């Protein structure tokens, strides 16, 4: 499988409302960290995640996290 593009070397910290979201796994989305279909024609697919309540999150942008879609500090080892 191909390696994802590193979209950024720091997480995207934001507050999200309750609901479903699609995290970009390929790193090619222009709407990081969310999928915009940039993976079309690749082996990548977006990862759906659901928040039950409004929450502040740190979403991985380096695509190296072991806890997707959330940042685990993997960007510090790039």
PDB file of N, CA and C in Angstrom:
ATOM      1  N   UNK A   1       0.839  -1.186   0.000  1.00  0.00           N
ATOM      2  CA  UNK A   1       0.000   0.000   0.000  1.00  0.00           C
ATOM      3  C   UNK A   1       0.878   1.241   0.000  1.00  0.00           C
ATOM      4  N   UNK A   2       0.417   2.262  -0.672  1.00  0.00           N
ATOM      5  CA  UNK A   2       1.144   3.530  -0.757  1.00  0.00           C
ATOM      6  C   UNK A   2       1.175   4.225   0.599  1.00  0.00           C
ATOM      7  N   UNK A   3       2.147   5.076   0.759  1.00  0.00           N
ATOM      8  CA  UNK A   3       2.252   5.877   1.977  1.00  0.00           C
ATOM      9  C   UNK A   3       1.411   7.139   1.825  1.00  0.00           C
ATOM     10  N   UNK A   4       0.756   7.592   2.899  1.00  0.00           N
ATOM     11  CA  UNK A   4      -0.016   8.831   2.815  1.00  0.00           C
ATOM     12  C   UNK A   4       0.903  10.048   2.731  1.00  0.00           C
ATOM     13  N   UNK A   5       0.384  11.120   2.200  1.00  0.00           N
ATOM     14  CA  UNK A   5       1.087  12.400   2.152  1.00  0.00           C
ATOM     15  C   UNK A   5       0.997  13.033   3.537  1.00  0.00           C
ATOM     16  N   UNK A   6       2.091  13.590   4.031  1.00  0.00           N
ATOM     17  CA  UNK A   6       2.068  14.312   5.303  1.00  0.00           C
ATOM     18  C   UNK A   6       1.445  15.676   5.011  1.00  0.00           C
ATOM     19  N   UNK A   7       0.239  15.887   5.498  1.00  0.00           N
ATOM     20  CA  UNK A   7      -0.475  17.134   5.224  1.00  0.00           C
ATOM     21  C   UNK A   7       0.064  18.287   6.074  1.00  0.00           C
ATOM     22  N   UNK A   8       0.506  17.977   7.283  1.00  0.00           N
ATOM     23  CA  UNK A   8       1.048  18.996   8.180  1.00  0.00           C
ATOM     24  C   UNK A   8       1.828  18.285   9.276  1.00  0.00           C
ATOM     25  N   UNK A   9       2.701  19.010   9.948  1.00  0.00           N
ATOM     26  CA  UNK A   9       3.508  18.419  11.014  1.00  0.00           C
ATOM     27  C   UNK A   9       3.009  18.817  12.393  1.00  0.00           C
ATOM     28  N   UNK A  10       1.758  19.230  12.446  1.00  0.00           N
ATOM     29  CA  UNK A  10       1.098  19.501  13.725  1.00  0.00           C
ATOM     30  C   UNK A  10      -0.369  19.119  13.579  1.00  0.00           C
ATOM     31  N   UNK A  11      -1.030  18.786  14.688  1.00  0.00           N
ATOM     32  CA  UNK A  11      -2.434  18.388  14.606  1.00  0.00           C
ATOM     33  C   UNK A  11      -3.346  19.584  14.322  1.00  0.00           C
ATOM     34  N   UNK A  12      -4.544  19.269  13.881  1.00  0.00           N
ATOM     35  CA  UNK A  12      -5.587  20.280  13.703  1.00  0.00           C
ATOM     36  C   UNK A  12      -6.444  20.228  14.962  1.00  0.00           C
ATOM     37  N   UNK A  13      -6.365  21.278  15.769  1.00  0.00           N
ATOM     38  CA  UNK A  13      -7.130  21.342  17.012  1.00  0.00           C
ATOM     39  C   UNK A  13      -8.366  22.196  16.747  1.00  0.00           C
ATOM     40  N   UNK A  14      -9.527  21.603  16.993  1.00  0.00           N
ATOM     41  CA  UNK A  14     -10.777  22.287  16.696  1.00  0.00           C
ATOM     42  C   UNK A  14     -11.889  21.729  17.573  1.00  0.00           C
ATOM     43  N   UNK A  15     -12.957  22.476  17.703  1.00  0.00           N
ATOM     44  CA  UNK A  15     -14.142  22.007  18.410  1.00  0.00           C
ATOM     45  C   UNK A  15     -15.163  21.573  17.372  1.00  0.00           C
ATOM     46  N   UNK A  16     -15.634  20.341  17.508  1.00  0.00           N
ATOM     47  CA  UNK A  16     -16.603  19.783  16.571  1.00  0.00           C
ATOM     48  C   UNK A  16     -17.923  19.523  17.282  1.00  0.00           C
ATOM     49  N   UNK A  17     -18.994  19.720  16.557  1.00  0.00           N
ATOM     50  CA  UNK A  17     -20.327  19.394  17.057  1.00  0.00           C
ATOM     51  C   UNK A  17     -20.517  17.876  17.022  1.00  0.00           C
ATOM     52  N   UNK A  18     -21.505  17.381  17.734  1.00  0.00           N
ATOM     53  CA  UNK A  18     -21.847  15.962  17.663  1.00  0.00           C
ATOM     54  C   UNK A  18     -22.213  15.621  16.221  1.00  0.00           C
ATOM     55  N   UNK A  19     -21.799  14.446  15.769  1.00  0.00           N
ATOM     56  CA  UNK A  19     -22.143  14.027  14.415  1.00  0.00           C
ATOM     57  C   UNK A  19     -21.079  13.148  13.806  1.00  0.00           C
ATOM     58  N   UNK A  20     -21.289  12.834  12.535  1.00  0.00           N
ATOM     59  CA  UNK A  20     -20.369  11.994  11.775  1.00  0.00           C
ATOM     60  C   UNK A  20     -19.402  12.846  10.978  1.00  0.00           C
ATOM     61  N   UNK A  21     -18.156  12.393  10.923  1.00  0.00           N
ATOM     62  CA  UNK A  21     -17.103  13.083  10.191  1.00  0.00           C
ATOM     63  C   UNK A  21     -16.286  12.047   9.423  1.00  0.00           C
ATOM     64  N   UNK A  22     -15.613  12.500   8.369  1.00  0.00           N
ATOM     65  CA  UNK A  22     -14.762  11.623   7.573  1.00  0.00           C
ATOM     66  C   UNK A  22     -13.353  12.206   7.547  1.00  0.00           C
ATOM     67  N   UNK A  23     -12.435  11.502   8.210  1.00  0.00           N
ATOM     68  CA  UNK A  23     -11.040  11.930   8.335  1.00  0.00           C
ATOM     69  C   UNK A  23     -10.265  11.474   7.109  1.00  0.00           C
ATOM     70  N   UNK A  24      -9.495  12.362   6.540  1.00  0.00           N
ATOM     71  CA  UNK A  24      -8.662  12.062   5.376  1.00  0.00           C
ATOM     72  C   UNK A  24      -7.521  11.140   5.799  1.00  0.00           C
ATOM     73  N   UNK A  25      -7.394  10.008   5.119  1.00  0.00           N
ATOM     74  CA  UNK A  25      -6.308   9.068   5.406  1.00  0.00           C
ATOM     75  C   UNK A  25      -5.164   9.181   4.410  1.00  0.00           C
ATOM     76  N   UNK A  26      -5.425   9.810   3.255  1.00  0.00           N
ATOM     77  CA  UNK A  26      -4.406   9.871   2.196  1.00  0.00           C
ATOM     78  C   UNK A  26      -3.489  11.087   2.305  1.00  0.00           C
ATOM     79  N   UNK A  27      -3.975  12.147   2.953  1.00  0.00           N
ATOM     80  CA  UNK A  27      -3.196  13.378   3.076  1.00  0.00           C
ATOM     81  C   UNK A  27      -3.331  14.309   1.884  1.00  0.00           C
ATOM     82  N   UNK A  28      -4.146  13.949   0.887  1.00  0.00           N
ATOM     83  CA  UNK A  28      -4.265  14.750  -0.328  1.00  0.00           C
ATOM     84  C   UNK A  28      -5.456  15.704  -0.329  1.00  0.00           C
ATOM     85  N   UNK A  29      -6.293  15.641   0.685  1.00  0.00           N
ATOM     86  CA  UNK A  29      -7.454  16.518   0.754  1.00  0.00           C
ATOM     87  C   UNK A  29      -7.024  17.974   0.910  1.00  0.00           C
ATOM     88  N   UNK A  30      -7.704  18.859   0.215  1.00  0.00           N
ATOM     89  CA  UNK A  30      -7.468  20.295   0.380  1.00  0.00           C
ATOM     90  C   UNK A  30      -8.235  20.832   1.583  1.00  0.00           C
ATOM     91  N   UNK A  31      -9.028  19.981   2.205  1.00  0.00           N
ATOM     92  CA  UNK A  31      -9.867  20.364   3.347  1.00  0.00           C
ATOM     93  C   UNK A  31      -9.404  19.621   4.605  1.00  0.00           C
ATOM     94  N   UNK A  32      -8.099  19.570   4.837  1.00  0.00           N
ATOM     95  CA  UNK A  32      -7.534  18.837   5.973  1.00  0.00           C
ATOM     96  C   UNK A  32      -8.133  19.313   7.284  1.00  0.00           C
ATOM     97  N   UNK A  33      -8.403  18.400   8.190  1.00  0.00           N
ATOM     98  CA  UNK A  33      -8.101  16.977   8.178  1.00  0.00           C
ATOM     99  C   UNK A  33      -9.249  16.121   7.639  1.00  0.00           C
ATOM    100  N   UNK A  34     -10.214  16.762   6.996  1.00  0.00           N
ATOM    101  CA  UNK A  34     -11.395  16.052   6.515  1.00  0.00           C
ATOM    102  C   UNK A  34     -11.256  15.677   5.044  1.00  0.00           C
ATOM    103  N   UNK A  35     -11.942  14.617   4.660  1.00  0.00           N
ATOM    104  CA  UNK A  35     -11.891  14.115   3.288  1.00  0.00           C
ATOM    105  C   UNK A  35     -12.653  15.036   2.341  1.00  0.00           C
ATOM    106  N   UNK A  36     -12.069  15.282   1.169  1.00  0.00           N
ATOM    107  CA  UNK A  36     -12.753  16.020   0.103  1.00  0.00           C
ATOM    108  C   UNK A  36     -12.780  15.217  -1.196  1.00  0.00           C
ATOM    109  N   UNK A  37     -12.433  13.925  -1.099  1.00  0.00           N
ATOM    110  CA  UNK A  37     -12.418  13.072  -2.278  1.00  0.00           C
ATOM    111  C   UNK A  37     -11.080  13.007  -2.974  1.00  0.00           C
ATOM    112  N   UNK A  38     -10.056  13.637  -2.411  1.00  0.00           N
ATOM    113  CA  UNK A  38      -8.725  13.653  -3.017  1.00  0.00           C
ATOM    114  C   UNK A  38      -8.099  12.274  -3.162  1.00  0.00           C
ATOM    115  N   UNK A  39      -8.650  11.286  -2.480  1.00  0.00           N
ATOM    116  CA  UNK A  39      -8.123   9.920  -2.537  1.00  0.00           C
ATOM    117  C   UNK A  39      -8.561   9.171  -3.792  1.00  0.00           C
ATOM    118  N   UNK A  40      -9.465   9.727  -4.563  1.00  0.00           N
ATOM    119  CA  UNK A  40      -9.991   9.028  -5.744  1.00  0.00           C
ATOM    120  C   UNK A  40      -8.836   8.543  -6.620  1.00  0.00           C
ATOM    121  N   UNK A  41      -8.900   7.284  -7.025  1.00  0.00           N
ATOM    122  CA  UNK A  41      -7.863   6.691  -7.854  1.00  0.00           C
ATOM    123  C   UNK A  41      -6.707   6.107  -7.057  1.00  0.00           C
ATOM    124  N   UNK A  42      -6.813   6.108  -5.725  1.00  0.00           N
ATOM    125  CA  UNK A  42      -5.774   5.541  -4.862  1.00  0.00           C
ATOM    126  C   UNK A  42      -6.369   4.374  -4.077  1.00  0.00           C
ATOM    127  N   UNK A  43      -5.545   3.730  -3.267  1.00  0.00           N
ATOM    128  CA  UNK A  43      -6.007   2.649  -2.399  1.00  0.00           C
ATOM    129  C   UNK A  43      -6.577   3.164  -1.076  1.00  0.00           C
ATOM    130  N   UNK A  44      -6.555   4.463  -0.869  1.00  0.00           N
ATOM    131  CA  UNK A  44      -7.011   5.046   0.388  1.00  0.00           C
ATOM    132  C   UNK A  44      -8.522   5.243   0.408  1.00  0.00           C
ATOM    133  N   UNK A  45      -9.097   5.149   1.599  1.00  0.00           N
ATOM    134  CA  UNK A  45     -10.493   5.491   1.823  1.00  0.00           C
ATOM    135  C   UNK A  45     -10.564   6.328   3.096  1.00  0.00           C
ATOM    136  N   UNK A  46     -11.515   7.255   3.173  1.00  0.00           N
ATOM    137  CA  UNK A  46     -11.629   8.065   4.382  1.00  0.00           C
ATOM    138  C   UNK A  46     -12.086   7.222   5.567  1.00  0.00           C
ATOM    139  N   UNK A  47     -11.775   7.695   6.755  1.00  0.00           N
ATOM    140  CA  UNK A  47     -12.174   7.000   7.979  1.00  0.00           C
ATOM    141  C   UNK A  47     -13.314   7.771   8.623  1.00  0.00           C
ATOM    142  N   UNK A  48     -14.445   7.107   8.767  1.00  0.00           N
ATOM    143  CA  UNK A  48     -15.595   7.724   9.436  1.00  0.00           C
ATOM    144  C   UNK A  48     -15.394   7.660  10.944  1.00  0.00           C
ATOM    145  N   UNK A  49     -15.687   8.781  11.615  1.00  0.00           N
ATOM    146  CA  UNK A  49     -15.722   8.766  13.073  1.00  0.00           C
ATOM    147  C   UNK A  49     -16.912   9.577  13.532  1.00  0.00           C
ATOM    148  N   UNK A  50     -17.422   9.236  14.703  1.00  0.00           N
ATOM    149  CA  UNK A  50     -18.636   9.848  15.231  1.00  0.00           C
ATOM    150  C   UNK A  50     -18.364  10.418  16.608  1.00  0.00           C
ATOM    151  N   UNK A  51     -18.827  11.640  16.822  1.00  0.00           N
ATOM    152  CA  UNK A  51     -18.777  12.257  18.143  1.00  0.00           C
ATOM    153  C   UNK A  51     -20.204  12.294  18.692  1.00  0.00           C
ATOM    154  N   UNK A  52     -20.364  11.854  19.905  1.00  0.00           N
ATOM    155  CA  UNK A  52     -21.686  11.827  20.532  1.00  0.00           C
ATOM    156  C   UNK A  52     -22.081  13.180  21.114  1.00  0.00           C
ATOM    157  N   UNK A  53     -21.073  13.977  21.458  1.00  0.00           N
ATOM    158  CA  UNK A  53     -21.312  15.311  22.013  1.00  0.00           C
ATOM    159  C   UNK A  53     -20.302  16.274  21.414  1.00  0.00           C
ATOM    160  N   UNK A  54     -20.559  17.574  21.561  1.00  0.00           N
ATOM    161  CA  UNK A  54     -19.585  18.575  21.125  1.00  0.00           C
ATOM    162  C   UNK A  54     -18.293  18.341  21.892  1.00  0.00           C
ATOM    163  N   UNK A  55     -17.165  18.441  21.192  1.00  0.00           N
ATOM    164  CA  UNK A  55     -15.901  18.120  21.835  1.00  0.00           C
ATOM    165  C   UNK A  55     -14.746  18.824  21.128  1.00  0.00           C
ATOM    166  N   UNK A  56     -13.756  19.254  21.913  1.00  0.00           N
ATOM    167  CA  UNK A  56     -12.520  19.760  21.321  1.00  0.00           C
ATOM    168  C   UNK A  56     -11.635  18.556  21.039  1.00  0.00           C
ATOM    169  N   UNK A  57     -11.111  18.493  19.816  1.00  0.00           N
ATOM    170  CA  UNK A  57     -10.291  17.357  19.394  1.00  0.00           C
ATOM    171  C   UNK A  57      -9.006  17.843  18.742  1.00  0.00           C
ATOM    172  N   UNK A  58      -8.006  16.987  18.766  1.00  0.00           N
ATOM    173  CA  UNK A  58      -6.755  17.224  18.041  1.00  0.00           C
ATOM    174  C   UNK A  58      -6.670  16.110  17.002  1.00  0.00           C
ATOM    175  N   UNK A  59      -6.924  16.463  15.747  1.00  0.00           N
ATOM    176  CA  UNK A  59      -6.952  15.478  14.671  1.00  0.00           C
ATOM    177  C   UNK A  59      -5.595  15.421  13.983  1.00  0.00           C
ATOM    178  N   UNK A  60      -5.135  14.210  13.735  1.00  0.00           N
ATOM    179  CA  UNK A  60      -3.833  13.987  13.118  1.00  0.00           C
ATOM    180  C   UNK A  60      -3.794  14.531  11.699  1.00  0.00           C
ATOM    181  N   UNK A  61      -2.753  15.261  11.368  1.00  0.00           N
ATOM    182  CA  UNK A  61      -2.541  15.755  10.009  1.00  0.00           C
ATOM    183  C   UNK A  61      -1.300  15.127   9.371  1.00  0.00           C
ATOM    184  N   UNK A  62      -0.444  14.489  10.190  1.00  0.00           N
ATOM    185  CA  UNK A  62       0.751  13.849   9.627  1.00  0.00           C
ATOM    186  C   UNK A  62       0.440  12.458   9.093  1.00  0.00           C
ATOM    187  N   UNK A  63      -0.715  11.926   9.457  1.00  0.00           N
ATOM    188  CA  UNK A  63      -1.206  10.616   9.018  1.00  0.00           C
ATOM    189  C   UNK A  63      -0.388   9.468   9.591  1.00  0.00           C
ATOM    190  N   UNK A  64       0.372   9.726  10.647  1.00  0.00           N
ATOM    191  CA  UNK A  64       1.200   8.699  11.263  1.00  0.00           C
ATOM    192  C   UNK A  64       0.709   8.222  12.619  1.00  0.00           C
ATOM    193  N   UNK A  65      -0.431   8.711  13.065  1.00  0.00           N
ATOM    194  CA  UNK A  65      -0.937   8.355  14.381  1.00  0.00           C
ATOM    195  C   UNK A  65      -1.268   6.870  14.496  1.00  0.00           C
ATOM    196  N   UNK A  66      -1.086   6.319  15.674  1.00  0.00           N
ATOM    197  CA  UNK A  66      -1.501   4.946  15.954  1.00  0.00           C
ATOM    198  C   UNK A  66      -2.919   4.929  16.511  1.00  0.00           C
ATOM    199  N   UNK A  67      -3.535   6.121  16.665  1.00  0.00           N
ATOM    200  CA  UNK A  67      -4.879   6.251  17.226  1.00  0.00           C
ATOM    201  C   UNK A  67      -5.755   7.111  16.306  1.00  0.00           C
ATOM    202  N   UNK A  68      -5.887   6.716  15.039  1.00  0.00           N
ATOM    203  CA  UNK A  68      -6.629   7.564  14.100  1.00  0.00           C
ATOM    204  C   UNK A  68      -8.090   7.717  14.508  1.00  0.00           C
ATOM    205  N   UNK A  69      -8.646   8.889  14.315  1.00  0.00           N
ATOM    206  CA  UNK A  69      -8.109  10.052  13.620  1.00  0.00           C
ATOM    207  C   UNK A  69      -7.397  11.034  14.551  1.00  0.00           C
ATOM    208  N   UNK A  70      -7.226  10.643  15.794  1.00  0.00           N
ATOM    209  CA  UNK A  70      -6.714  11.566  16.806  1.00  0.00           C
ATOM    210  C   UNK A  70      -5.187  11.577  16.859  1.00  0.00           C
ATOM    211  N   UNK A  71      -4.626  12.732  17.127  1.00  0.00           N
ATOM    212  CA  UNK A  71      -3.186  12.903  17.243  1.00  0.00           C
ATOM    213  C   UNK A  71      -2.661  12.144  18.452  1.00  0.00           C
ATOM    214  N   UNK A  72      -1.554  11.434  18.271  1.00  0.00           N
ATOM    215  CA  UNK A  72      -0.881  10.770  19.380  1.00  0.00           C
ATOM    216  C   UNK A  72       0.567  11.240  19.540  1.00  0.00           C
ATOM    217  N   UNK A  73       0.897  12.335  18.843  1.00  0.00           N
ATOM    218  CA  UNK A  73       2.249  12.885  18.932  1.00  0.00           C
ATOM    219  C   UNK A  73       3.216  12.315  17.915  1.00  0.00           C
ATOM    220  N   UNK A  74       2.745  11.489  16.989  1.00  0.00           N
ATOM    221  CA  UNK A  74       3.625  10.869  15.993  1.00  0.00           C
ATOM    222  C   UNK A  74       4.375  11.911  15.167  1.00  0.00           C
ATOM    223  N   UNK A  75       3.792  13.094  15.007  1.00  0.00           N
ATOM    224  CA  UNK A  75       4.430  14.153  14.206  1.00  0.00           C
ATOM    225  C   UNK A  75       5.761  14.615  14.812  1.00  0.00           C
ATOM    226  N   UNK A  76       5.953  14.388  16.106  1.00  0.00           N
ATOM    227  CA  UNK A  76       7.204  14.811  16.726  1.00  0.00           C
ATOM    228  C   UNK A  76       8.375  13.903  16.345  1.00  0.00           C
ATOM    229  N   UNK A  77       8.070  12.770  15.705  1.00  0.00           N
ATOM    230  CA  UNK A  77       9.108  11.826  15.306  1.00  0.00           C
ATOM    231  C   UNK A  77       9.407  11.875  13.819  1.00  0.00           C
ATOM    232  N   UNK A  78       8.837  12.848  13.127  1.00  0.00           N
ATOM    233  CA  UNK A  78       9.072  12.972  11.681  1.00  0.00           C
ATOM    234  C   UNK A  78      10.426  13.582  11.395  1.00  0.00           C
TER     235      UNK A  78
END
